[in-house]
Amino acid sequence: MPEKFNGLTSKIIKLLEDDPGQAVKDLARKLNVNRTFLAGYLRALEDQGYVRSKRVGPARIYFKTGSGG
């Protein structure tokens, strides 16, 4: 994992490595952060190539990508 990850990004990547395919609300609960904030944060990580998402009904499910940056 690149050293440039901050604490939150590292935690997100670790959660998605351990249990791929998590919804924003589940990640927000596990990380104890606001769901709206986390949704934006995850979109930024997706734009940078660290995570990818898939729409499943009303939820957006996130997965770690094989690479990033």
C-alpha atoms as a PDB file:
ATOM      1  CA  MET A   1       0.000   0.000   0.000  1.00  0.00           C
ATOM      2  CA  PRO A   2       1.506   3.363  -0.994  1.00  0.00           C
ATOM      3  CA  GLU A   3       2.736   5.498   1.896  1.00  0.00           C
ATOM      4  CA  LYS A   4       0.866   8.517   0.537  1.00  0.00           C
ATOM      5  CA  PHE A   5      -2.427   7.119   1.851  1.00  0.00           C
ATOM      6  CA  ASN A   6      -3.749   9.048   4.812  1.00  0.00           C
ATOM      7  CA  GLY A   7      -5.392   7.321   7.766  1.00  0.00           C
ATOM      8  CA  LEU A   8      -8.930   7.260   6.348  1.00  0.00           C
ATOM      9  CA  THR A   9      -7.859   6.035   2.927  1.00  0.00           C
ATOM     10  CA  SER A  10      -5.787   3.261   4.507  1.00  0.00           C
ATOM     11  CA  LYS A  11      -8.751   2.156   6.604  1.00  0.00           C
ATOM     12  CA  ILE A  12     -11.064   2.128   3.577  1.00  0.00           C
ATOM     13  CA  ILE A  13      -8.594   0.115   1.484  1.00  0.00           C
ATOM     14  CA  LYS A  14      -8.099  -2.367   4.340  1.00  0.00           C
ATOM     15  CA  LEU A  15     -11.867  -2.809   4.833  1.00  0.00           C
ATOM     16  CA  LEU A  16     -12.361  -3.403   1.105  1.00  0.00           C
ATOM     17  CA  GLU A  17      -9.462  -5.867   0.958  1.00  0.00           C
ATOM     18  CA  ASP A  18     -10.874  -7.825   3.891  1.00  0.00           C
ATOM     19  CA  ASP A  19     -14.516  -7.700   2.740  1.00  0.00           C
ATOM     20  CA  PRO A  20     -14.992  -6.572  -0.879  1.00  0.00           C
ATOM     21  CA  GLY A  21     -18.294  -5.168  -2.074  1.00  0.00           C
ATOM     22  CA  GLN A  22     -19.388  -2.922   0.783  1.00  0.00           C
ATOM     23  CA  ALA A  23     -22.061  -0.229   0.603  1.00  0.00           C
ATOM     24  CA  VAL A  24     -21.315   3.364   1.561  1.00  0.00           C
ATOM     25  CA  LYS A  25     -23.607   3.184   4.605  1.00  0.00           C
ATOM     26  CA  ASP A  26     -21.813   0.087   5.919  1.00  0.00           C
ATOM     27  CA  LEU A  27     -18.379   1.612   5.420  1.00  0.00           C
ATOM     28  CA  ALA A  28     -19.529   4.860   7.064  1.00  0.00           C
ATOM     29  CA  ARG A  29     -20.804   2.947  10.093  1.00  0.00           C
ATOM     30  CA  LYS A  30     -17.573   0.942  10.433  1.00  0.00           C
ATOM     31  CA  LEU A  31     -15.421   4.067  10.061  1.00  0.00           C
ATOM     32  CA  ASN A  32     -17.685   6.257  12.212  1.00  0.00           C
ATOM     33  CA  VAL A  33     -17.881   9.007   9.570  1.00  0.00           C
ATOM     34  CA  ASN A  34     -20.746  10.865   7.898  1.00  0.00           C
ATOM     35  CA  ARG A  35     -22.220   8.898   5.006  1.00  0.00           C
ATOM     36  CA  THR A  36     -22.486  11.922   2.691  1.00  0.00           C
ATOM     37  CA  PHE A  37     -18.856  12.861   3.359  1.00  0.00           C
ATOM     38  CA  LEU A  38     -17.733   9.285   2.735  1.00  0.00           C
ATOM     39  CA  ALA A  39     -19.687   9.036  -0.531  1.00  0.00           C
ATOM     40  CA  GLY A  40     -17.793  12.055  -1.877  1.00  0.00           C
ATOM     41  CA  TYR A  41     -14.497  10.742  -0.551  1.00  0.00           C
ATOM     42  CA  LEU A  42     -15.080   7.379  -2.242  1.00  0.00           C
ATOM     43  CA  ARG A  43     -15.950   9.099  -5.536  1.00  0.00           C
ATOM     44  CA  ALA A  44     -12.600  10.910  -5.352  1.00  0.00           C
ATOM     45  CA  LEU A  45     -10.789   7.634  -4.640  1.00  0.00           C
ATOM     46  CA  GLU A  46     -12.616   6.084  -7.587  1.00  0.00           C
ATOM     47  CA  ASP A  47     -11.526   8.962  -9.850  1.00  0.00           C
ATOM     48  CA  GLN A  48      -7.939   8.300  -8.752  1.00  0.00           C
ATOM     49  CA  GLY A  49      -8.270   4.569  -9.460  1.00  0.00           C
ATOM     50  CA  TYR A  50      -8.012   3.223  -5.893  1.00  0.00           C
ATOM     51  CA  VAL A  51     -11.544   1.830  -5.704  1.00  0.00           C
ATOM     52  CA  ARG A  52     -14.303   0.981  -8.137  1.00  0.00           C
ATOM     53  CA  SER A  53     -18.038   0.978  -7.604  1.00  0.00           C
ATOM     54  CA  LYS A  54     -21.086  -0.803  -8.899  1.00  0.00           C
ATOM     55  CA  ARG A  55     -24.705   0.282  -8.591  1.00  0.00           C
ATOM     56  CA  VAL A  56     -26.891  -2.385  -6.945  1.00  0.00           C
ATOM     57  CA  GLY A  57     -30.449  -1.114  -6.630  1.00  0.00           C
ATOM     58  CA  PRO A  58     -30.338   2.124  -4.654  1.00  0.00           C
ATOM     59  CA  ALA A  59     -26.919   1.337  -3.146  1.00  0.00           C
ATOM     60  CA  ARG A  60     -23.458   1.932  -4.544  1.00  0.00           C
ATOM     61  CA  ILE A  61     -21.129  -0.948  -3.690  1.00  0.00           C
ATOM     62  CA  TYR A  62     -17.363  -0.367  -3.498  1.00  0.00           C
ATOM     63  CA  PHE A  63     -14.436  -2.647  -4.249  1.00  0.00           C
ATOM     64  CA  LYS A  64     -10.675  -2.129  -4.057  1.00  0.00           C
ATOM     65  CA  THR A  65      -8.951  -2.020  -7.430  1.00  0.00           C
ATOM     66  CA  GLY A  66      -5.742  -3.860  -8.185  1.00  0.00           C
ATOM     67  CA  SER A  67      -3.833  -0.594  -8.569  1.00  0.00           C
ATOM     68  CA  GLY A  68      -4.337   3.084  -8.132  1.00  0.00           C
ATOM     69  CA  GLY A  69      -3.067   6.558  -8.688  1.00  0.00           C
END
